[in-house]
Amino acid sequence: MIVFLVFLQGYPLPNVALKGEAAQSSTLSFATASKAIDGRRNSNGFCSHTAEDETNPWWRVDLQRSFTITAVKVTNRGDCCAERLDGAEIRIGNSLENNGNNNPRCASILHINAGKTYTYRCDGGSMEGRFVNVFLPGQPKTLTLCEVEVYAAPAGRGLSDWI
């Protein structure tokens, strides 16, 4: 397994998604939600994938406890259809209301080129939450994620205590 770190003030924060449990609104073939947190940024064949032409598809990782999240990295598929991720929202919080899609928005994904990884920092800095969702509003939509990395420190502790 490859481990990627994000540095805050020169100190590393772990990718806590690797120990989480993933779920998604539907699954196409063998493209399970857990493929987006397997530690591989391989954008061809190792991706999660919802059913095609779904209304409001979503993907979620349960981090098992609340964290102070500073960055979320998303890797898009590399073989085709990079535009399918356009308009997705990253939502973070502690609620499972509407499958976690009602949690506050951290950032919006305007576009990620095919096979590329982009780092999102929440509007206004860090956010606290147990659940990280990628929600794609509208219809008909298909959600594919090749890797989602969540860099965070345990909630309830100041980031300066962690680093």
N, C-alpha and C. Protein backbone atom coordinates (compact mmCIF):
# COMPACT_ATOMS: atom_id res chain seq x y z
N MET A 1 0.84 -1.17 0.00
CA MET A 1 0.00 0.00 0.00
C MET A 1 0.89 1.24 0.00
N ILE A 2 0.55 2.19 -0.81
CA ILE A 2 1.28 3.45 -0.89
C ILE A 2 0.62 4.43 0.07
N VAL A 3 1.41 5.13 0.86
CA VAL A 3 0.88 6.09 1.81
C VAL A 3 1.26 7.49 1.35
N PHE A 4 0.27 8.35 1.23
CA PHE A 4 0.50 9.74 0.87
C PHE A 4 0.23 10.60 2.10
N LEU A 5 1.00 11.64 2.28
CA LEU A 5 0.82 12.53 3.42
C LEU A 5 0.61 13.95 2.94
N VAL A 6 -0.15 14.69 3.68
CA VAL A 6 -0.29 16.12 3.46
C VAL A 6 0.40 16.80 4.63
N PHE A 7 1.14 17.82 4.36
CA PHE A 7 1.89 18.50 5.40
C PHE A 7 1.19 19.79 5.80
N LEU A 8 1.09 20.01 7.10
CA LEU A 8 0.55 21.24 7.66
C LEU A 8 1.67 21.86 8.46
N GLN A 9 2.08 23.03 8.08
CA GLN A 9 3.18 23.72 8.73
C GLN A 9 4.42 22.82 8.81
N GLY A 10 4.65 22.02 7.74
CA GLY A 10 5.83 21.18 7.68
C GLY A 10 5.70 19.83 8.34
N TYR A 11 4.54 19.53 8.97
CA TYR A 11 4.35 18.26 9.65
C TYR A 11 3.28 17.45 8.93
N PRO A 12 3.48 16.13 8.83
CA PRO A 12 2.52 15.30 8.08
C PRO A 12 1.23 15.01 8.84
N LEU A 13 0.14 14.98 8.11
CA LEU A 13 -1.14 14.50 8.62
C LEU A 13 -1.45 13.22 7.86
N PRO A 14 -2.05 12.23 8.52
CA PRO A 14 -2.32 10.96 7.85
C PRO A 14 -3.56 11.00 6.96
N ASN A 15 -3.59 10.09 5.98
CA ASN A 15 -4.77 9.87 5.15
C ASN A 15 -5.68 8.93 5.94
N VAL A 16 -6.65 9.48 6.66
CA VAL A 16 -7.51 8.68 7.53
C VAL A 16 -8.57 7.89 6.77
N ALA A 17 -8.76 8.16 5.49
CA ALA A 17 -9.74 7.41 4.70
C ALA A 17 -9.33 5.95 4.55
N LEU A 18 -8.05 5.65 4.61
CA LEU A 18 -7.56 4.29 4.42
C LEU A 18 -8.13 3.32 5.45
N LYS A 19 -8.49 3.82 6.63
CA LYS A 19 -9.05 2.97 7.68
C LYS A 19 -10.56 3.11 7.79
N GLY A 20 -11.17 3.81 6.83
CA GLY A 20 -12.61 4.02 6.87
C GLY A 20 -13.39 2.91 6.18
N GLU A 21 -14.70 3.08 6.18
CA GLU A 21 -15.61 2.16 5.49
C GLU A 21 -16.38 2.96 4.45
N ALA A 22 -16.31 2.51 3.21
CA ALA A 22 -16.94 3.26 2.12
C ALA A 22 -18.29 2.65 1.74
N ALA A 23 -19.17 3.52 1.26
CA ALA A 23 -20.49 3.11 0.75
C ALA A 23 -20.82 4.04 -0.41
N GLN A 24 -21.76 3.61 -1.26
CA GLN A 24 -22.20 4.46 -2.36
C GLN A 24 -23.65 4.14 -2.68
N SER A 25 -24.28 5.04 -3.43
CA SER A 25 -25.71 4.94 -3.71
C SER A 25 -26.09 3.71 -4.52
N SER A 26 -25.19 3.22 -5.36
CA SER A 26 -25.40 2.01 -6.15
C SER A 26 -24.03 1.55 -6.63
N THR A 27 -23.97 0.35 -7.19
CA THR A 27 -22.68 -0.17 -7.65
C THR A 27 -22.85 -0.80 -9.03
N LEU A 28 -21.98 -0.41 -9.94
CA LEU A 28 -21.94 -1.00 -11.27
C LEU A 28 -20.91 -2.12 -11.27
N SER A 29 -21.34 -3.33 -11.55
CA SER A 29 -20.47 -4.49 -11.66
C SER A 29 -19.65 -4.69 -10.38
N PHE A 30 -18.33 -4.74 -10.51
CA PHE A 30 -17.46 -4.97 -9.36
C PHE A 30 -16.81 -3.68 -8.85
N ALA A 31 -17.31 -2.54 -9.27
CA ALA A 31 -16.71 -1.25 -8.92
C ALA A 31 -17.25 -0.75 -7.58
N THR A 32 -16.90 -1.46 -6.52
CA THR A 32 -17.41 -1.16 -5.18
C THR A 32 -16.85 0.15 -4.63
N ALA A 33 -17.55 0.68 -3.64
CA ALA A 33 -17.15 1.94 -3.02
C ALA A 33 -15.76 1.87 -2.41
N SER A 34 -15.38 0.71 -1.89
CA SER A 34 -14.08 0.57 -1.22
C SER A 34 -12.89 0.75 -2.17
N LYS A 35 -13.11 0.63 -3.47
CA LYS A 35 -12.00 0.83 -4.41
C LYS A 35 -11.49 2.26 -4.41
N ALA A 36 -12.29 3.20 -3.90
CA ALA A 36 -11.86 4.60 -3.85
C ALA A 36 -11.06 4.92 -2.60
N ILE A 37 -10.89 3.93 -1.70
CA ILE A 37 -10.05 4.15 -0.51
C ILE A 37 -9.06 3.00 -0.33
N ASP A 38 -8.58 2.45 -1.43
CA ASP A 38 -7.65 1.32 -1.37
C ASP A 38 -6.19 1.75 -1.39
N GLY A 39 -5.94 3.05 -1.42
CA GLY A 39 -4.57 3.55 -1.39
C GLY A 39 -3.89 3.60 -2.74
N ARG A 40 -4.65 3.30 -3.82
CA ARG A 40 -4.07 3.31 -5.16
C ARG A 40 -4.70 4.43 -5.98
N ARG A 41 -3.87 5.28 -6.53
CA ARG A 41 -4.37 6.35 -7.41
C ARG A 41 -4.48 5.87 -8.85
N ASN A 42 -4.36 4.58 -9.09
CA ASN A 42 -4.48 4.02 -10.43
C ASN A 42 -5.86 4.38 -10.98
N SER A 43 -5.89 5.10 -12.07
CA SER A 43 -7.16 5.62 -12.58
C SER A 43 -7.77 4.77 -13.68
N ASN A 44 -7.28 3.57 -13.87
CA ASN A 44 -7.83 2.67 -14.88
C ASN A 44 -8.15 1.32 -14.24
N GLY A 45 -9.42 1.10 -13.92
CA GLY A 45 -9.85 -0.19 -13.44
C GLY A 45 -9.92 -0.39 -11.95
N PHE A 46 -9.36 0.51 -11.17
CA PHE A 46 -9.39 0.38 -9.71
C PHE A 46 -10.23 1.48 -9.09
N CYS A 47 -11.40 1.72 -9.65
CA CYS A 47 -12.23 2.85 -9.26
C CYS A 47 -13.60 2.38 -8.78
N SER A 48 -14.23 3.20 -7.96
CA SER A 48 -15.63 2.96 -7.60
C SER A 48 -16.49 3.48 -8.76
N HIS A 49 -17.71 2.98 -8.87
CA HIS A 49 -18.57 3.37 -9.99
C HIS A 49 -20.01 3.10 -9.60
N THR A 50 -20.85 4.14 -9.65
CA THR A 50 -22.27 3.93 -9.40
C THR A 50 -22.94 3.45 -10.69
N ALA A 51 -24.19 3.05 -10.57
CA ALA A 51 -24.96 2.69 -11.75
C ALA A 51 -25.03 3.88 -12.69
N GLU A 52 -25.18 3.62 -13.95
CA GLU A 52 -25.24 4.71 -14.93
C GLU A 52 -26.60 5.40 -14.90
N ASP A 53 -26.59 6.69 -15.19
CA ASP A 53 -27.81 7.50 -15.32
C ASP A 53 -28.68 7.47 -14.07
N GLU A 54 -28.05 7.62 -12.92
CA GLU A 54 -28.73 7.67 -11.64
C GLU A 54 -29.06 9.13 -11.30
N THR A 55 -30.07 9.35 -10.47
CA THR A 55 -30.37 10.68 -9.97
C THR A 55 -29.64 10.88 -8.64
N ASN A 56 -28.87 11.94 -8.54
CA ASN A 56 -28.14 12.32 -7.32
C ASN A 56 -27.25 11.21 -6.75
N PRO A 57 -26.36 10.62 -7.53
CA PRO A 57 -25.50 9.58 -6.97
C PRO A 57 -24.54 10.16 -5.93
N TRP A 58 -24.15 9.30 -5.00
CA TRP A 58 -23.24 9.73 -3.93
C TRP A 58 -22.29 8.59 -3.56
N TRP A 59 -21.17 8.99 -2.97
CA TRP A 59 -20.18 8.08 -2.40
C TRP A 59 -19.81 8.64 -1.04
N ARG A 60 -19.56 7.76 -0.06
CA ARG A 60 -19.26 8.23 1.30
C ARG A 60 -18.22 7.35 1.96
N VAL A 61 -17.34 7.97 2.74
CA VAL A 61 -16.45 7.23 3.62
C VAL A 61 -16.80 7.58 5.06
N ASP A 62 -16.97 6.54 5.87
CA ASP A 62 -17.18 6.68 7.32
C ASP A 62 -15.81 6.53 7.96
N LEU A 63 -15.32 7.59 8.56
CA LEU A 63 -13.99 7.60 9.15
C LEU A 63 -13.96 6.94 10.53
N GLN A 64 -15.10 6.46 11.01
CA GLN A 64 -15.26 5.74 12.28
C GLN A 64 -15.25 6.63 13.51
N ARG A 65 -14.81 7.86 13.38
CA ARG A 65 -14.88 8.86 14.45
C ARG A 65 -14.67 10.22 13.82
N SER A 66 -14.93 11.25 14.56
CA SER A 66 -14.83 12.60 14.02
C SER A 66 -13.37 13.07 13.95
N PHE A 67 -13.06 13.78 12.88
CA PHE A 67 -11.72 14.32 12.65
C PHE A 67 -11.83 15.80 12.27
N THR A 68 -10.74 16.52 12.45
CA THR A 68 -10.59 17.86 11.90
C THR A 68 -9.90 17.69 10.55
N ILE A 69 -10.66 17.87 9.49
CA ILE A 69 -10.20 17.58 8.13
C ILE A 69 -9.65 18.85 7.50
N THR A 70 -8.42 18.75 6.99
CA THR A 70 -7.77 19.91 6.40
C THR A 70 -7.72 19.86 4.88
N ALA A 71 -7.75 18.64 4.31
CA ALA A 71 -7.67 18.51 2.85
C ALA A 71 -8.31 17.20 2.41
N VAL A 72 -8.91 17.24 1.22
CA VAL A 72 -9.46 16.05 0.57
C VAL A 72 -8.88 16.01 -0.84
N LYS A 73 -8.26 14.88 -1.19
CA LYS A 73 -7.71 14.71 -2.53
C LYS A 73 -8.61 13.74 -3.29
N VAL A 74 -8.93 14.08 -4.53
CA VAL A 74 -9.79 13.26 -5.37
C VAL A 74 -9.05 12.94 -6.66
N THR A 75 -9.02 11.65 -7.02
CA THR A 75 -8.42 11.21 -8.28
C THR A 75 -9.54 10.80 -9.22
N ASN A 76 -9.55 11.38 -10.41
CA ASN A 76 -10.56 11.12 -11.42
C ASN A 76 -10.15 9.92 -12.28
N ARG A 77 -11.11 9.32 -12.92
CA ARG A 77 -10.82 8.19 -13.82
C ARG A 77 -9.98 8.67 -15.00
N GLY A 78 -9.18 7.77 -15.55
CA GLY A 78 -8.27 8.16 -16.61
C GLY A 78 -8.60 7.66 -17.99
N ASP A 79 -9.53 6.71 -18.10
CA ASP A 79 -9.78 6.10 -19.39
C ASP A 79 -10.78 6.88 -20.24
N CYS A 80 -11.75 7.49 -19.62
CA CYS A 80 -12.75 8.27 -20.37
C CYS A 80 -13.57 9.09 -19.39
N CYS A 81 -14.45 9.87 -19.92
CA CYS A 81 -15.57 10.45 -19.15
C CYS A 81 -15.17 11.33 -17.97
N ALA A 82 -14.04 12.02 -18.06
CA ALA A 82 -13.58 12.84 -16.95
C ALA A 82 -14.62 13.88 -16.55
N GLU A 83 -15.44 14.31 -17.49
CA GLU A 83 -16.43 15.35 -17.22
C GLU A 83 -17.55 14.89 -16.30
N ARG A 84 -17.69 13.59 -16.10
CA ARG A 84 -18.77 13.07 -15.25
C ARG A 84 -18.66 13.57 -13.81
N LEU A 85 -17.46 13.90 -13.37
CA LEU A 85 -17.24 14.37 -12.00
C LEU A 85 -17.51 15.87 -11.84
N ASP A 86 -17.64 16.58 -12.96
CA ASP A 86 -17.87 18.03 -12.93
C ASP A 86 -19.16 18.33 -12.15
N GLY A 87 -19.07 19.26 -11.21
CA GLY A 87 -20.23 19.69 -10.44
C GLY A 87 -20.45 18.91 -9.16
N ALA A 88 -19.61 17.92 -8.88
CA ALA A 88 -19.75 17.16 -7.63
C ALA A 88 -19.40 18.05 -6.45
N GLU A 89 -19.94 17.71 -5.30
CA GLU A 89 -19.70 18.46 -4.06
C GLU A 89 -19.08 17.54 -3.02
N ILE A 90 -18.09 18.05 -2.31
CA ILE A 90 -17.50 17.34 -1.18
C ILE A 90 -18.20 17.87 0.06
N ARG A 91 -18.82 16.98 0.82
CA ARG A 91 -19.57 17.37 2.02
C ARG A 91 -19.00 16.64 3.22
N ILE A 92 -18.87 17.35 4.33
CA ILE A 92 -18.25 16.81 5.53
C ILE A 92 -19.13 17.12 6.73
N GLY A 93 -19.31 16.13 7.60
CA GLY A 93 -20.07 16.35 8.82
C GLY A 93 -20.26 15.08 9.61
N ASN A 94 -21.13 15.15 10.62
CA ASN A 94 -21.38 14.02 11.52
C ASN A 94 -22.76 13.42 11.35
N SER A 95 -23.52 13.89 10.39
CA SER A 95 -24.89 13.43 10.20
C SER A 95 -25.00 12.44 9.04
N LEU A 96 -25.90 11.47 9.19
CA LEU A 96 -26.22 10.57 8.09
C LEU A 96 -27.57 10.91 7.47
N GLU A 97 -28.11 12.08 7.83
CA GLU A 97 -29.37 12.53 7.21
C GLU A 97 -29.16 12.62 5.70
N ASN A 98 -30.10 12.05 4.94
CA ASN A 98 -29.99 11.99 3.47
C ASN A 98 -28.66 11.36 3.06
N ASN A 99 -28.28 10.27 3.75
CA ASN A 99 -27.03 9.54 3.48
C ASN A 99 -25.78 10.37 3.68
N GLY A 100 -25.87 11.46 4.41
CA GLY A 100 -24.72 12.35 4.65
C GLY A 100 -24.64 13.49 3.65
N ASN A 101 -25.53 13.50 2.68
CA ASN A 101 -25.48 14.53 1.63
C ASN A 101 -25.99 15.89 2.09
N ASN A 102 -26.58 15.96 3.29
CA ASN A 102 -27.03 17.25 3.83
C ASN A 102 -25.98 17.90 4.71
N ASN A 103 -24.84 17.24 4.91
CA ASN A 103 -23.75 17.85 5.69
C ASN A 103 -23.23 19.08 4.96
N PRO A 104 -22.55 19.96 5.69
CA PRO A 104 -22.04 21.19 5.06
C PRO A 104 -21.06 20.90 3.92
N ARG A 105 -21.12 21.78 2.91
CA ARG A 105 -20.23 21.63 1.76
C ARG A 105 -18.84 22.14 2.10
N CYS A 106 -17.86 21.31 1.81
CA CYS A 106 -16.45 21.68 1.97
C CYS A 106 -15.97 22.40 0.72
N ALA A 107 -16.28 21.82 -0.44
CA ALA A 107 -15.81 22.37 -1.71
C ALA A 107 -16.62 21.78 -2.85
N SER A 108 -16.55 22.43 -4.00
CA SER A 108 -17.19 21.93 -5.22
C SER A 108 -16.10 21.55 -6.21
N ILE A 109 -16.36 20.47 -6.94
CA ILE A 109 -15.42 20.01 -7.96
C ILE A 109 -15.87 20.60 -9.29
N LEU A 110 -15.10 21.55 -9.80
CA LEU A 110 -15.44 22.15 -11.08
C LEU A 110 -15.03 21.21 -12.21
N HIS A 111 -13.77 20.74 -12.19
CA HIS A 111 -13.29 19.80 -13.20
C HIS A 111 -11.95 19.24 -12.74
N ILE A 112 -11.75 17.94 -12.94
CA ILE A 112 -10.46 17.30 -12.74
C ILE A 112 -10.15 16.57 -14.05
N ASN A 113 -9.02 16.86 -14.64
CA ASN A 113 -8.64 16.20 -15.90
C ASN A 113 -8.56 14.69 -15.71
N ALA A 114 -8.69 13.95 -16.80
CA ALA A 114 -8.67 12.49 -16.77
C ALA A 114 -7.39 11.98 -16.12
N GLY A 115 -7.54 11.10 -15.14
CA GLY A 115 -6.42 10.48 -14.48
C GLY A 115 -5.66 11.34 -13.50
N LYS A 116 -6.12 12.55 -13.27
CA LYS A 116 -5.40 13.49 -12.41
C LYS A 116 -6.00 13.52 -11.01
N THR A 117 -5.18 14.00 -10.06
CA THR A 117 -5.57 14.15 -8.67
C THR A 117 -5.58 15.64 -8.34
N TYR A 118 -6.62 16.07 -7.64
CA TYR A 118 -6.71 17.47 -7.24
C TYR A 118 -6.95 17.53 -5.73
N THR A 119 -6.31 18.48 -5.08
CA THR A 119 -6.46 18.68 -3.64
C THR A 119 -7.46 19.80 -3.36
N TYR A 120 -8.43 19.49 -2.51
CA TYR A 120 -9.45 20.47 -2.11
C TYR A 120 -9.25 20.81 -0.65
N ARG A 121 -9.21 22.09 -0.39
CA ARG A 121 -9.17 22.58 0.99
C ARG A 121 -10.52 23.24 1.23
N CYS A 122 -11.11 22.93 2.35
CA CYS A 122 -12.46 23.42 2.62
C CYS A 122 -12.51 24.93 2.66
N ASP A 123 -13.61 25.47 2.12
CA ASP A 123 -13.84 26.91 2.20
C ASP A 123 -13.80 27.31 3.67
N GLY A 124 -12.97 28.27 4.02
CA GLY A 124 -12.86 28.72 5.40
C GLY A 124 -11.91 27.89 6.25
N GLY A 125 -11.12 27.01 5.63
CA GLY A 125 -10.14 26.22 6.39
C GLY A 125 -10.62 24.82 6.65
N SER A 126 -10.34 24.30 7.82
CA SER A 126 -10.67 22.91 8.15
C SER A 126 -12.14 22.77 8.54
N MET A 127 -12.62 21.52 8.46
CA MET A 127 -13.98 21.19 8.88
C MET A 127 -13.93 19.93 9.74
N GLU A 128 -14.86 19.81 10.65
CA GLU A 128 -14.91 18.65 11.52
C GLU A 128 -16.01 17.70 11.04
N GLY A 129 -15.70 16.40 11.06
CA GLY A 129 -16.72 15.42 10.69
C GLY A 129 -16.22 14.00 10.67
N ARG A 130 -17.19 13.10 10.73
CA ARG A 130 -16.93 11.66 10.65
C ARG A 130 -17.16 11.14 9.23
N PHE A 131 -18.06 11.81 8.50
CA PHE A 131 -18.43 11.35 7.17
C PHE A 131 -17.95 12.34 6.11
N VAL A 132 -17.35 11.81 5.05
CA VAL A 132 -16.95 12.61 3.90
C VAL A 132 -17.70 12.04 2.70
N ASN A 133 -18.53 12.88 2.09
CA ASN A 133 -19.32 12.48 0.93
C ASN A 133 -18.83 13.18 -0.31
N VAL A 134 -18.95 12.49 -1.43
CA VAL A 134 -18.87 13.12 -2.73
C VAL A 134 -20.25 12.91 -3.33
N PHE A 135 -20.94 14.02 -3.54
CA PHE A 135 -22.34 14.03 -3.95
C PHE A 135 -22.44 14.71 -5.31
N LEU A 136 -23.11 14.07 -6.25
CA LEU A 136 -23.23 14.61 -7.61
C LEU A 136 -24.70 14.90 -7.89
N PRO A 137 -25.12 16.15 -7.66
CA PRO A 137 -26.54 16.47 -7.82
C PRO A 137 -26.98 16.49 -9.28
N GLY A 138 -28.22 16.05 -9.49
CA GLY A 138 -28.81 16.11 -10.83
C GLY A 138 -29.11 14.74 -11.40
N GLN A 139 -29.61 14.77 -12.64
CA GLN A 139 -29.91 13.53 -13.35
C GLN A 139 -29.71 13.75 -14.83
N PRO A 140 -29.45 12.79 -15.64
CA PRO A 140 -28.90 11.49 -15.24
C PRO A 140 -27.40 11.64 -14.99
N LYS A 141 -26.91 11.03 -13.94
CA LYS A 141 -25.51 11.17 -13.54
C LYS A 141 -24.89 9.81 -13.24
N THR A 142 -23.57 9.75 -13.37
CA THR A 142 -22.79 8.56 -13.02
C THR A 142 -21.58 9.05 -12.24
N LEU A 143 -21.31 8.46 -11.09
CA LEU A 143 -20.22 8.90 -10.23
C LEU A 143 -19.13 7.83 -10.20
N THR A 144 -17.92 8.22 -10.62
CA THR A 144 -16.76 7.34 -10.58
C THR A 144 -15.64 8.05 -9.84
N LEU A 145 -15.06 7.36 -8.85
CA LEU A 145 -13.95 7.91 -8.08
C LEU A 145 -12.84 6.87 -8.02
N CYS A 146 -11.63 7.27 -8.39
CA CYS A 146 -10.52 6.31 -8.37
C CYS A 146 -9.78 6.33 -7.04
N GLU A 147 -9.75 7.45 -6.38
CA GLU A 147 -9.20 7.51 -5.02
C GLU A 147 -9.71 8.78 -4.36
N VAL A 148 -10.06 8.64 -3.08
CA VAL A 148 -10.41 9.78 -2.24
C VAL A 148 -9.53 9.68 -1.00
N GLU A 149 -8.74 10.70 -0.77
CA GLU A 149 -7.84 10.75 0.39
C GLU A 149 -8.32 11.86 1.31
N VAL A 150 -8.34 11.58 2.60
CA VAL A 150 -8.82 12.54 3.59
C VAL A 150 -7.71 12.75 4.61
N TYR A 151 -7.17 13.95 4.66
CA TYR A 151 -6.07 14.28 5.56
C TYR A 151 -6.60 15.04 6.75
N ALA A 152 -6.31 14.49 7.96
CA ALA A 152 -6.98 15.02 9.13
C ALA A 152 -6.23 14.71 10.42
N ALA A 153 -6.61 15.44 11.47
CA ALA A 153 -6.16 15.19 12.83
C ALA A 153 -7.39 14.83 13.67
N PRO A 154 -7.22 14.11 14.76
CA PRO A 154 -8.37 13.78 15.60
C PRO A 154 -9.12 15.03 16.04
N ALA A 155 -10.45 14.95 15.98
CA ALA A 155 -11.27 16.10 16.41
C ALA A 155 -11.13 16.29 17.92
N GLY A 156 -11.35 17.52 18.35
CA GLY A 156 -11.26 17.82 19.76
C GLY A 156 -9.87 18.20 20.21
N ARG A 157 -8.90 18.02 19.34
CA ARG A 157 -7.54 18.43 19.62
C ARG A 157 -7.18 19.51 18.61
N GLY A 158 -6.57 20.55 19.06
CA GLY A 158 -6.11 21.57 18.14
C GLY A 158 -5.08 21.00 17.19
N LEU A 159 -5.06 21.49 15.97
CA LEU A 159 -4.08 20.99 15.01
C LEU A 159 -2.66 21.18 15.52
N SER A 160 -2.42 22.24 16.29
CA SER A 160 -1.08 22.46 16.81
C SER A 160 -0.69 21.40 17.85
N ASP A 161 -1.70 20.76 18.50
CA ASP A 161 -1.41 19.67 19.43
C ASP A 161 -1.02 18.40 18.71
N TRP A 162 -1.48 18.26 17.48
CA TRP A 162 -1.27 17.04 16.71
C TRP A 162 0.07 17.03 16.00
N ILE A 163 0.53 18.22 15.60
CA ILE A 163 1.76 18.27 14.80
C ILE A 163 2.98 18.56 15.65
